[in-house]
C-alpha atoms as a PDB file:
ATOM      1  CA  MET A   1      38.272  36.486 -21.144  1.00  0.00           C
ATOM      2  CA  ASN A   2      37.640  35.353 -17.562  1.00  0.00           C
ATOM      3  CA  SER A   3      40.404  37.508 -15.999  1.00  0.00           C
ATOM      4  CA  LYS A   4      38.967  39.929 -13.491  1.00  0.00           C
ATOM      5  CA  VAL A   5      42.321  41.702 -13.405  1.00  0.00           C
ATOM      6  CA  LEU A   6      42.075  42.463 -17.095  1.00  0.00           C
ATOM      7  CA  ALA A   7      38.396  43.213 -16.870  1.00  0.00           C
ATOM      8  CA  GLY A   8      38.982  45.759 -14.119  1.00  0.00           C
ATOM      9  CA  LEU A   9      41.998  47.488 -15.766  1.00  0.00           C
ATOM     10  CA  MET A  10      40.371  47.539 -19.203  1.00  0.00           C
ATOM     11  CA  GLY A  11      37.016  48.587 -17.740  1.00  0.00           C
ATOM     12  CA  LEU A  12      38.651  51.498 -15.926  1.00  0.00           C
ATOM     13  CA  CYS A  13      40.653  52.540 -18.972  1.00  0.00           C
ATOM     14  CA  ILE A  14      37.768  52.481 -21.399  1.00  0.00           C
ATOM     15  CA  GLY A  15      35.640  54.491 -19.019  1.00  0.00           C
ATOM     16  CA  ASP A  16      38.453  57.054 -18.843  1.00  0.00           C
ATOM     17  CA  ALA A  17      38.850  57.179 -22.601  1.00  0.00           C
ATOM     18  CA  LEU A  18      35.090  57.660 -23.084  1.00  0.00           C
ATOM     19  CA  GLY A  19      35.177  60.605 -20.706  1.00  0.00           C
ATOM     20  CA  VAL A  20      38.338  62.345 -22.029  1.00  0.00           C
ATOM     21  CA  PRO A  21      36.710  63.991 -25.045  1.00  0.00           C
ATOM     22  CA  VAL A  22      34.004  65.777 -22.996  1.00  0.00           C
ATOM     23  CA  GLU A  23      35.856  66.554 -19.785  1.00  0.00           C
ATOM     24  CA  PHE A  24      34.506  69.751 -18.215  1.00  0.00           C
ATOM     25  CA  SER A  25      31.291  69.589 -20.314  1.00  0.00           C
ATOM     26  CA  THR A  26      28.207  70.375 -18.221  1.00  0.00           C
ATOM     27  CA  ARG A  27      25.385  67.889 -17.609  1.00  0.00           C
ATOM     28  CA  GLU A  28      23.066  70.145 -19.564  1.00  0.00           C
ATOM     29  CA  GLU A  29      25.417  70.175 -22.558  1.00  0.00           C
ATOM     30  CA  LEU A  30      25.693  66.427 -22.533  1.00  0.00           C
ATOM     31  CA  ALA A  31      21.934  66.019 -22.237  1.00  0.00           C
ATOM     32  CA  GLN A  32      21.715  67.825 -25.573  1.00  0.00           C
ATOM     33  CA  CYS A  33      24.479  65.735 -27.174  1.00  0.00           C
ATOM     34  CA  PRO A  34      25.126  62.632 -25.019  1.00  0.00           C
ATOM     35  CA  VAL A  35      28.241  60.479 -25.396  1.00  0.00           C
ATOM     36  CA  ARG A  36      27.402  57.100 -26.946  1.00  0.00           C
ATOM     37  CA  GLY A  37      30.848  55.848 -27.826  1.00  0.00           C
ATOM     38  CA  MET A  38      34.478  56.814 -28.536  1.00  0.00           C
ATOM     39  CA  ASN A  39      34.385  60.395 -29.731  1.00  0.00           C
ATOM     40  CA  SER A  40      36.778  62.010 -32.256  1.00  0.00           C
ATOM     41  CA  GLN A  41      35.765  65.603 -31.246  1.00  0.00           C
ATOM     42  CA  ASN A  42      37.233  66.391 -27.943  1.00  0.00           C
ATOM     43  CA  TYR A  43      38.500  69.001 -25.503  1.00  0.00           C
ATOM     44  CA  TRP A  44      42.082  67.742 -25.432  1.00  0.00           C
ATOM     45  CA  LYS A  45      42.407  67.316 -29.232  1.00  0.00           C
ATOM     46  CA  GLU A  46      43.372  63.678 -28.691  1.00  0.00           C
ATOM     47  CA  LEU A  47      42.534  60.707 -30.950  1.00  0.00           C
ATOM     48  CA  PRO A  48      39.602  58.433 -29.953  1.00  0.00           C
ATOM     49  CA  GLY A  49      40.650  55.801 -27.434  1.00  0.00           C
ATOM     50  CA  THR A  50      43.115  58.046 -25.644  1.00  0.00           C
ATOM     51  CA  TRP A  51      43.155  57.742 -21.852  1.00  0.00           C
ATOM     52  CA  SER A  52      44.271  60.228 -19.297  1.00  0.00           C
ATOM     53  CA  ASP A  53      46.248  60.357 -16.027  1.00  0.00           C
ATOM     54  CA  ASP A  54      43.561  58.216 -14.361  1.00  0.00           C
ATOM     55  CA  SER A  55      44.630  55.138 -16.350  1.00  0.00           C
ATOM     56  CA  SER A  56      48.299  56.105 -16.613  1.00  0.00           C
ATOM     57  CA  LEU A  57      48.749  56.206 -12.832  1.00  0.00           C
ATOM     58  CA  THR A  58      46.625  53.054 -12.415  1.00  0.00           C
ATOM     59  CA  PHE A  59      48.915  51.243 -14.805  1.00  0.00           C
ATOM     60  CA  CYS A  60      52.024  52.657 -13.062  1.00  0.00           C
ATOM     61  CA  LEU A  61      50.720  51.258  -9.784  1.00  0.00           C
ATOM     62  CA  ALA A  62      49.837  47.887 -11.371  1.00  0.00           C
ATOM     63  CA  GLU A  63      53.304  47.590 -12.952  1.00  0.00           C
ATOM     64  CA  SER A  64      55.037  48.383  -9.706  1.00  0.00           C
ATOM     65  CA  LEU A  65      52.974  45.730  -7.872  1.00  0.00           C
ATOM     66  CA  CYS A  66      54.211  43.144 -10.349  1.00  0.00           C
ATOM     67  CA  GLN A  67      57.580  43.395  -8.575  1.00  0.00           C
ATOM     68  CA  GLY A  68      56.096  43.375  -5.041  1.00  0.00           C
ATOM     69  CA  PHE A  69      54.908  46.169  -2.768  1.00  0.00           C
ATOM     70  CA  SER A  70      57.256  49.135  -2.460  1.00  0.00           C
ATOM     71  CA  LEU A  71      56.078  52.669  -1.867  1.00  0.00           C
ATOM     72  CA  GLN A  72      59.262  54.068  -3.285  1.00  0.00           C
ATOM     73  CA  ALA A  73      58.909  51.995  -6.425  1.00  0.00           C
ATOM     74  CA  ILE A  74      55.352  53.210  -6.889  1.00  0.00           C
ATOM     75  CA  ALA A  75      56.392  56.805  -6.282  1.00  0.00           C
ATOM     76  CA  ASP A  76      59.272  56.425  -8.814  1.00  0.00           C
ATOM     77  CA  SER A  77      56.828  55.048 -11.428  1.00  0.00           C
ATOM     78  CA  PHE A  78      54.624  58.171 -10.955  1.00  0.00           C
ATOM     79  CA  CYS A  79      57.658  60.317 -11.526  1.00  0.00           C
ATOM     80  CA  CYS A  80      58.548  58.386 -14.665  1.00  0.00           C
ATOM     81  CA  TRP A  81      55.013  59.002 -16.034  1.00  0.00           C
ATOM     82  CA  TYR A  82      55.171  62.721 -15.346  1.00  0.00           C
ATOM     83  CA  TYR A  83      58.731  63.424 -16.391  1.00  0.00           C
ATOM     84  CA  GLU A  84      59.380  60.736 -18.979  1.00  0.00           C
ATOM     85  CA  GLN A  85      55.846  60.009 -20.328  1.00  0.00           C
ATOM     86  CA  LYS A  86      55.943  56.367 -19.225  1.00  0.00           C
ATOM     87  CA  TRP A  87      52.486  54.773 -19.435  1.00  0.00           C
ATOM     88  CA  THR A  88      50.963  57.629 -21.383  1.00  0.00           C
ATOM     89  CA  ALA A  89      48.450  56.690 -24.009  1.00  0.00           C
ATOM     90  CA  ARG A  90      50.246  58.362 -26.903  1.00  0.00           C
ATOM     91  CA  GLY A  91      53.500  59.723 -25.503  1.00  0.00           C
ATOM     92  CA  ARG A  92      52.136  62.891 -23.935  1.00  0.00           C
ATOM     93  CA  VAL A  93      51.006  63.903 -20.458  1.00  0.00           C
ATOM     94  CA  PHE A  94      48.076  66.189 -21.100  1.00  0.00           C
ATOM     95  CA  ASP A  95      46.045  66.107 -17.875  1.00  0.00           C
ATOM     96  CA  ILE A  96      47.103  66.164 -14.235  1.00  0.00           C
ATOM     97  CA  GLY A  97      45.449  67.381 -11.031  1.00  0.00           C
ATOM     98  CA  ILE A  98      47.155  70.101  -9.092  1.00  0.00           C
ATOM     99  CA  THR A  99      47.498  68.047  -5.860  1.00  0.00           C
ATOM    100  CA  THR A 100      48.963  65.110  -7.813  1.00  0.00           C
ATOM    101  CA  GLN A 101      51.343  67.378  -9.671  1.00  0.00           C
ATOM    102  CA  MET A 102      52.585  68.975  -6.446  1.00  0.00           C
ATOM    103  CA  ALA A 103      53.160  65.635  -4.852  1.00  0.00           C
ATOM    104  CA  ILE A 104      55.128  64.213  -7.804  1.00  0.00           C
ATOM    105  CA  GLU A 105      57.254  67.356  -7.895  1.00  0.00           C
ATOM    106  CA  LYS A 106      58.057  66.727  -4.205  1.00  0.00           C
ATOM    107  CA  LEU A 107      58.914  63.123  -4.916  1.00  0.00           C
ATOM    108  CA  HIS A 108      61.230  64.252  -7.739  1.00  0.00           C
ATOM    109  CA  ARG A 109      62.995  66.427  -5.192  1.00  0.00           C
ATOM    110  CA  GLY A 110      63.573  63.484  -2.913  1.00  0.00           C
ATOM    111  CA  VAL A 111      60.651  63.790  -0.479  1.00  0.00           C
ATOM    112  CA  ALA A 112      59.674  60.393   0.919  1.00  0.00           C
ATOM    113  CA  PRO A 113      56.443  58.852  -0.413  1.00  0.00           C
ATOM    114  CA  LEU A 114      54.613  59.113   2.942  1.00  0.00           C
ATOM    115  CA  LYS A 115      55.531  62.803   3.190  1.00  0.00           C
ATOM    116  CA  SER A 116      54.743  63.918  -0.346  1.00  0.00           C
ATOM    117  CA  GLY A 117      50.947  63.964  -0.279  1.00  0.00           C
ATOM    118  CA  ASP A 118      49.036  67.019   0.893  1.00  0.00           C
ATOM    119  CA  THR A 119      47.180  66.737   4.164  1.00  0.00           C
ATOM    120  CA  VAL A 120      44.967  69.857   4.089  1.00  0.00           C
ATOM    121  CA  GLU A 121      41.217  69.580   3.572  1.00  0.00           C
ATOM    122  CA  ARG A 122      41.172  71.340   0.265  1.00  0.00           C
ATOM    123  CA  SER A 123      43.366  68.660  -1.206  1.00  0.00           C
ATOM    124  CA  ASN A 124      40.635  66.039  -1.215  1.00  0.00           C
ATOM    125  CA  GLY A 125      40.325  65.678  -5.000  1.00  0.00           C
ATOM    126  CA  ASN A 126      39.871  62.304  -6.591  1.00  0.00           C
ATOM    127  CA  GLY A 127      43.465  61.829  -7.679  1.00  0.00           C
ATOM    128  CA  SER A 128      44.223  58.816  -5.451  1.00  0.00           C
ATOM    129  CA  LEU A 129      40.795  57.195  -5.799  1.00  0.00           C
ATOM    130  CA  MET A 130      41.068  57.125  -9.567  1.00  0.00           C
ATOM    131  CA  ARG A 131      44.192  54.948  -9.496  1.00  0.00           C
ATOM    132  CA  ILE A 132      43.753  52.711  -6.442  1.00  0.00           C
ATOM    133  CA  LEU A 133      41.950  49.742  -8.101  1.00  0.00           C
ATOM    134  CA  PRO A 134      44.983  47.356  -8.556  1.00  0.00           C
ATOM    135  CA  LEU A 135      45.437  46.922  -4.831  1.00  0.00           C
ATOM    136  CA  ALA A 136      42.052  45.136  -4.594  1.00  0.00           C
ATOM    137  CA  TYR A 137      43.597  42.121  -6.369  1.00  0.00           C
ATOM    138  CA  TYR A 138      45.649  41.375  -3.185  1.00  0.00           C
ATOM    139  CA  HIS A 139      42.416  40.338  -1.379  1.00  0.00           C
ATOM    140  CA  LYS A 140      43.282  36.635  -1.570  1.00  0.00           C
ATOM    141  CA  THR A 141      46.894  36.995  -0.463  1.00  0.00           C
ATOM    142  CA  LEU A 142      46.728  39.633   2.308  1.00  0.00           C
ATOM    143  CA  ASP A 143      44.655  39.953   5.406  1.00  0.00           C
ATOM    144  CA  PHE A 144      42.245  42.841   5.040  1.00  0.00           C
ATOM    145  CA  PRO A 145      43.810  45.083   7.731  1.00  0.00           C
ATOM    146  CA  VAL A 146      47.194  44.792   6.025  1.00  0.00           C
ATOM    147  CA  LEU A 147      45.678  45.476   2.615  1.00  0.00           C
ATOM    148  CA  LEU A 148      43.765  48.464   3.947  1.00  0.00           C
ATOM    149  CA  GLU A 149      46.949  49.935   5.429  1.00  0.00           C
ATOM    150  CA  ARG A 150      48.615  49.623   2.048  1.00  0.00           C
ATOM    151  CA  VAL A 151      45.670  51.302   0.384  1.00  0.00           C
ATOM    152  CA  HIS A 152      45.991  54.205   2.801  1.00  0.00           C
ATOM    153  CA  GLN A 153      49.758  54.444   2.191  1.00  0.00           C
ATOM    154  CA  VAL A 154      49.343  54.479  -1.595  1.00  0.00           C
ATOM    155  CA  SER A 155      46.714  57.192  -1.317  1.00  0.00           C
ATOM    156  CA  CYS A 156      49.118  59.211   0.839  1.00  0.00           C
ATOM    157  CA  ILE A 157      51.679  59.424  -1.910  1.00  0.00           C
ATOM    158  CA  THR A 158      49.587  62.185  -3.434  1.00  0.00           C
ATOM    159  CA  HIS A 159      46.498  62.562  -1.216  1.00  0.00           C
ATOM    160  CA  ALA A 160      47.225  62.115   2.443  1.00  0.00           C
ATOM    161  CA  HIS A 161      44.122  63.577   4.078  1.00  0.00           C
ATOM    162  CA  PRO A 162      42.139  60.910   5.971  1.00  0.00           C
ATOM    163  CA  ARG A 163      39.043  61.632   3.763  1.00  0.00           C
ATOM    164  CA  SER A 164      40.937  60.651   0.646  1.00  0.00           C
ATOM    165  CA  GLN A 165      42.306  57.620   2.341  1.00  0.00           C
ATOM    166  CA  MET A 166      38.816  56.550   3.433  1.00  0.00           C
ATOM    167  CA  ALA A 167      37.323  56.976  -0.013  1.00  0.00           C
ATOM    168  CA  CYS A 168      40.042  54.703  -1.395  1.00  0.00           C
ATOM    169  CA  GLY A 169      39.421  52.145   1.395  1.00  0.00           C
ATOM    170  CA  ILE A 170      35.640  52.087   0.862  1.00  0.00           C
ATOM    171  CA  TYR A 171      36.057  51.723  -2.904  1.00  0.00           C
ATOM    172  CA  ILE A 172      38.620  48.855  -2.486  1.00  0.00           C
ATOM    173  CA  SER A 173      36.383  47.080   0.056  1.00  0.00           C
ATOM    174  CA  ILE A 174      33.486  47.155  -2.342  1.00  0.00           C
ATOM    175  CA  VAL A 175      35.627  46.000  -5.223  1.00  0.00           C
ATOM    176  CA  ILE A 176      36.774  43.040  -3.054  1.00  0.00           C
ATOM    177  CA  ALA A 177      33.170  42.089  -2.450  1.00  0.00           C
ATOM    178  CA  LEU A 178      32.605  42.095  -6.257  1.00  0.00           C
ATOM    179  CA  LEU A 179      35.738  39.913  -6.711  1.00  0.00           C
ATOM    180  CA  GLU A 180      34.221  37.474  -4.225  1.00  0.00           C
ATOM    181  CA  ASP A 181      31.238  37.192  -6.571  1.00  0.00           C
ATOM    182  CA  GLY A 182      28.778  39.559  -4.909  1.00  0.00           C
ATOM    183  CA  ASN A 183      26.186  41.301  -7.087  1.00  0.00           C
ATOM    184  CA  PRO A 184      26.333  45.118  -7.110  1.00  0.00           C
ATOM    185  CA  LYS A 185      23.944  45.778  -4.222  1.00  0.00           C
ATOM    186  CA  VAL A 186      25.272  43.016  -2.057  1.00  0.00           C
ATOM    187  CA  ALA A 187      28.870  44.053  -2.753  1.00  0.00           C
ATOM    188  CA  TYR A 188      28.040  47.620  -1.841  1.00  0.00           C
ATOM    189  CA  GLN A 189      26.560  46.526   1.492  1.00  0.00           C
ATOM    190  CA  GLU A 190      29.230  43.866   2.275  1.00  0.00           C
ATOM    191  CA  GLY A 191      31.979  46.259   1.390  1.00  0.00           C
ATOM    192  CA  LEU A 192      30.686  48.797   3.841  1.00  0.00           C
ATOM    193  CA  ASP A 193      30.109  46.135   6.509  1.00  0.00           C
ATOM    194  CA  ARG A 194      33.786  45.110   6.227  1.00  0.00           C
ATOM    195  CA  ILE A 195      35.260  48.593   6.219  1.00  0.00           C
ATOM    196  CA  GLU A 196      33.157  50.519   8.796  1.00  0.00           C
ATOM    197  CA  PRO A 197      34.821  49.071  11.934  1.00  0.00           C
ATOM    198  CA  PHE A 198      38.213  50.308  10.768  1.00  0.00           C
ATOM    199  CA  TYR A 199      36.937  53.861  10.506  1.00  0.00           C
ATOM    200  CA  GLN A 200      35.548  54.185  13.995  1.00  0.00           C
ATOM    201  CA  ARG A 201      38.921  55.308  15.345  1.00  0.00           C
ATOM    202  CA  TYR A 202      40.732  58.625  15.105  1.00  0.00           C
ATOM    203  CA  PRO A 203      41.429  60.320  12.686  1.00  0.00           C
ATOM    204  CA  TYR A 204      38.947  58.523  10.436  1.00  0.00           C
ATOM    205  CA  SER A 205      36.039  58.780  12.824  1.00  0.00           C
ATOM    206  CA  GLN A 206      36.054  62.523  12.467  1.00  0.00           C
ATOM    207  CA  GLU A 207      35.453  62.142   8.703  1.00  0.00           C
ATOM    208  CA  LEU A 208      32.472  59.773   8.818  1.00  0.00           C
ATOM    209  CA  SER A 209      29.884  62.531   8.429  1.00  0.00           C
ATOM    210  CA  HIS A 210      31.235  63.264   4.903  1.00  0.00           C
ATOM    211  CA  PHE A 211      30.387  59.680   3.905  1.00  0.00           C
ATOM    212  CA  GLU A 212      26.876  59.722   5.388  1.00  0.00           C
ATOM    213  CA  ARG A 213      25.100  59.278   2.062  1.00  0.00           C
ATOM    214  CA  ILE A 214      27.321  56.344   1.094  1.00  0.00           C
ATOM    215  CA  LEU A 215      27.137  54.723   4.548  1.00  0.00           C
ATOM    216  CA  SER A 216      23.381  54.867   4.511  1.00  0.00           C
ATOM    217  CA  ARG A 217      23.547  51.961   2.041  1.00  0.00           C
ATOM    218  CA  GLU A 218      21.039  53.796  -0.055  1.00  0.00           C
ATOM    219  CA  ILE A 219      23.198  55.948  -2.325  1.00  0.00           C
ATOM    220  CA  ASP A 220      21.405  54.408  -5.350  1.00  0.00           C
ATOM    221  CA  ALA A 221      18.046  55.733  -4.136  1.00  0.00           C
ATOM    222  CA  LEU A 222      19.081  59.322  -4.558  1.00  0.00           C
ATOM    223  CA  SER A 223      17.862  61.373  -7.510  1.00  0.00           C
ATOM    224  CA  ILE A 224      20.261  62.181 -10.332  1.00  0.00           C
ATOM    225  CA  GLU A 225      19.816  65.837  -9.473  1.00  0.00           C
ATOM    226  CA  SER A 226      21.436  65.184  -6.097  1.00  0.00           C
ATOM    227  CA  ILE A 227      24.482  63.505  -7.546  1.00  0.00           C
ATOM    228  CA  ASN A 228      27.511  65.720  -8.145  1.00  0.00           C
ATOM    229  CA  SER A 229      30.218  64.782 -10.656  1.00  0.00           C
ATOM    230  CA  GLU A 230      33.029  67.248 -10.089  1.00  0.00           C
ATOM    231  CA  GLY A 231      36.545  66.472  -8.877  1.00  0.00           C
ATOM    232  CA  TYR A 232      35.880  66.277  -5.136  1.00  0.00           C
ATOM    233  CA  VAL A 233      36.614  62.712  -3.931  1.00  0.00           C
ATOM    234  CA  ILE A 234      33.348  62.258  -2.175  1.00  0.00           C
ATOM    235  CA  ASP A 235      31.438  63.373  -5.274  1.00  0.00           C
ATOM    236  CA  THR A 236      33.330  60.950  -7.441  1.00  0.00           C
ATOM    237  CA  LEU A 237      32.803  57.971  -5.142  1.00  0.00           C
ATOM    238  CA  GLU A 238      29.107  58.755  -4.721  1.00  0.00           C
ATOM    239  CA  ALA A 239      28.620  59.249  -8.471  1.00  0.00           C
ATOM    240  CA  SER A 240      30.449  56.100  -9.434  1.00  0.00           C
ATOM    241  CA  LEU A 241      28.500  53.956  -6.970  1.00  0.00           C
ATOM    242  CA  TRP A 242      25.292  55.586  -8.068  1.00  0.00           C
ATOM    243  CA  CYS A 243      25.985  54.860 -11.748  1.00  0.00           C
ATOM    244  CA  PHE A 244      27.034  51.262 -11.063  1.00  0.00           C
ATOM    245  CA  LEU A 245      24.084  50.454  -8.869  1.00  0.00           C
ATOM    246  CA  ASN A 246      21.453  52.072 -11.145  1.00  0.00           C
ATOM    247  CA  THR A 247      22.396  50.349 -14.418  1.00  0.00           C
ATOM    248  CA  SER A 248      22.471  46.784 -15.654  1.00  0.00           C
ATOM    249  CA  SER A 249      25.506  46.553 -17.994  1.00  0.00           C
ATOM    250  CA  TYR A 250      29.009  47.826 -18.374  1.00  0.00           C
ATOM    251  CA  GLU A 251      28.019  50.023 -21.322  1.00  0.00           C
ATOM    252  CA  GLN A 252      25.101  51.609 -19.522  1.00  0.00           C
ATOM    253  CA  ALA A 253      27.232  52.226 -16.333  1.00  0.00           C
ATOM    254  CA  VAL A 254      30.129  54.061 -18.016  1.00  0.00           C
ATOM    255  CA  LEU A 255      27.924  56.066 -20.392  1.00  0.00           C
ATOM    256  CA  GLU A 256      25.771  57.148 -17.424  1.00  0.00           C
ATOM    257  CA  ALA A 257      28.929  58.241 -15.627  1.00  0.00           C
ATOM    258  CA  VAL A 258      30.260  60.219 -18.617  1.00  0.00           C
ATOM    259  CA  ASN A 259      26.991  61.944 -19.260  1.00  0.00           C
ATOM    260  CA  LEU A 260      26.860  63.235 -15.703  1.00  0.00           C
ATOM    261  CA  GLY A 261      29.309  65.829 -16.910  1.00  0.00           C
ATOM    262  CA  GLU A 262      32.220  67.775 -15.380  1.00  0.00           C
ATOM    263  CA  ASP A 263      34.956  65.343 -14.349  1.00  0.00           C
ATOM    264  CA  THR A 264      33.818  62.870 -16.916  1.00  0.00           C
ATOM    265  CA  ASP A 265      36.931  60.779 -17.327  1.00  0.00           C
ATOM    266  CA  THR A 266      37.500  60.104 -13.659  1.00  0.00           C
ATOM    267  CA  THR A 267      33.851  59.361 -12.824  1.00  0.00           C
ATOM    268  CA  ALA A 268      33.705  56.915 -15.704  1.00  0.00           C
ATOM    269  CA  ALA A 269      37.092  55.389 -14.798  1.00  0.00           C
ATOM    270  CA  VAL A 270      36.087  54.700 -11.225  1.00  0.00           C
ATOM    271  CA  THR A 271      32.710  53.419 -12.409  1.00  0.00           C
ATOM    272  CA  GLY A 272      34.353  51.380 -15.182  1.00  0.00           C
ATOM    273  CA  GLY A 273      36.582  49.533 -12.726  1.00  0.00           C
ATOM    274  CA  LEU A 274      33.489  48.289 -10.808  1.00  0.00           C
ATOM    275  CA  ALA A 275      31.478  47.482 -13.924  1.00  0.00           C
ATOM    276  CA  GLY A 276      34.394  45.799 -15.704  1.00  0.00           C
ATOM    277  CA  ILE A 277      34.933  43.416 -12.814  1.00  0.00           C
ATOM    278  CA  TYR A 278      31.265  42.634 -12.308  1.00  0.00           C
ATOM    279  CA  TYR A 279      30.101  42.298 -15.957  1.00  0.00           C
ATOM    280  CA  GLY A 280      33.400  40.900 -17.299  1.00  0.00           C
ATOM    281  CA  LEU A 281      35.534  41.779 -20.334  1.00  0.00           C
ATOM    282  CA  GLU A 282      33.099  40.163 -22.697  1.00  0.00           C
ATOM    283  CA  SER A 283      30.521  42.808 -21.734  1.00  0.00           C
ATOM    284  CA  ILE A 284      32.631  45.670 -23.034  1.00  0.00           C
ATOM    285  CA  PRO A 285      31.789  46.578 -26.647  1.00  0.00           C
ATOM    286  CA  ILE A 286      34.521  45.135 -28.831  1.00  0.00           C
ATOM    287  CA  GLU A 287      34.785  48.281 -30.908  1.00  0.00           C
ATOM    288  CA  TRP A 288      35.706  50.180 -27.761  1.00  0.00           C
ATOM    289  CA  ILE A 289      38.405  47.643 -26.883  1.00  0.00           C
ATOM    290  CA  ASN A 290      39.785  47.788 -30.396  1.00  0.00           C
ATOM    291  CA  THR A 291      39.899  51.624 -30.323  1.00  0.00           C
ATOM    292  CA  ILE A 292      41.700  51.916 -27.047  1.00  0.00           C
ATOM    293  CA  ALA A 293      45.351  53.055 -27.187  1.00  0.00           C
ATOM    294  CA  ARG A 294      48.041  50.506 -26.314  1.00  0.00           C
ATOM    295  CA  LYS A 295      45.492  47.655 -25.992  1.00  0.00           C
ATOM    296  CA  GLU A 296      48.120  44.935 -26.195  1.00  0.00           C
ATOM    297  CA  ASP A 297      50.278  46.635 -23.506  1.00  0.00           C
ATOM    298  CA  ILE A 298      47.247  46.750 -21.161  1.00  0.00           C
ATOM    299  CA  ILE A 299      46.573  43.046 -21.764  1.00  0.00           C
ATOM    300  CA  ALA A 300      50.250  42.136 -21.086  1.00  0.00           C
ATOM    301  CA  LEU A 301      50.249  44.261 -17.927  1.00  0.00           C
ATOM    302  CA  ALA A 302      47.104  42.533 -16.631  1.00  0.00           C
ATOM    303  CA  ASN A 303      48.615  39.117 -17.317  1.00  0.00           C
ATOM    304  CA  HIS A 304      51.805  40.066 -15.444  1.00  0.00           C
ATOM    305  CA  LEU A 305      49.861  41.435 -12.450  1.00  0.00           C
ATOM    306  CA  GLU A 306      47.725  38.302 -12.280  1.00  0.00           C
ATOM    307  CA  ILE A 307      50.760  36.062 -12.252  1.00  0.00           C
ATOM    308  CA  ALA A 308      52.542  38.225  -9.639  1.00  0.00           C
ATOM    309  CA  ILE A 309      49.651  38.368  -7.189  1.00  0.00           C
ATOM    310  CA  TYR A 310      47.985  34.942  -7.652  1.00  0.00           C
END
């Protein structure tokens, strides 16, 4: 119950599963019929508790890390998910972003992990941000510059543009501050304080303007009308931080994220990772945990990762 590894992985996965049924719903539609729990009526025609590629690729990364850090092993695990349905919720890949799909197909053809991710500006979807969480658990065993370089490299497997790398880095830095027992607002500020010096150099310095609202340290002060929740990586990071900072429980945070609409599963997954770590596993409604697909496998994976890293 006290494992922050399990709390983060389960928090992410449950946020994902809450969002799957209403993915692509508009904010206006969800205002009329908001999500309040695991839903049996859904876009993908999946059972309640089914999670998407967000959790699948997070679990692939976590499982690979149990054996040490190897970009090739991580890349191979992504291929196993896509081509062999490994770490799917119910034996079927039913959702994948175009940029991620293209990268995995390159990996399958033998392209090296650091050459497979797209580098063009239009490729800045949220596909690497959604799965980067497990690397934060290295914060006690790796110096931050080394950890940050690994975060960037893992992002590059599918999303190699500096903007996507930076979004992952900022998220991980904030997660580390939460793991160090900071409260949400303090973790947000300390995470930015830690990461900003690393992004003053080229090519990251050219991307800082895109993170202006986050780096202001006042993302939570924005109105909900100014928060976007589509698949662009900046939108997802902003929306997830906004939901986490403007709520006071795991349940409130992930439901706020889902009910923003559009890319509901990813916004809630990224939010759920933060909220799970901060509020703890005991804060997640037990009926949600009991509904989640492959619950015991997720628990076992978290235990293995905790042993491997700590």
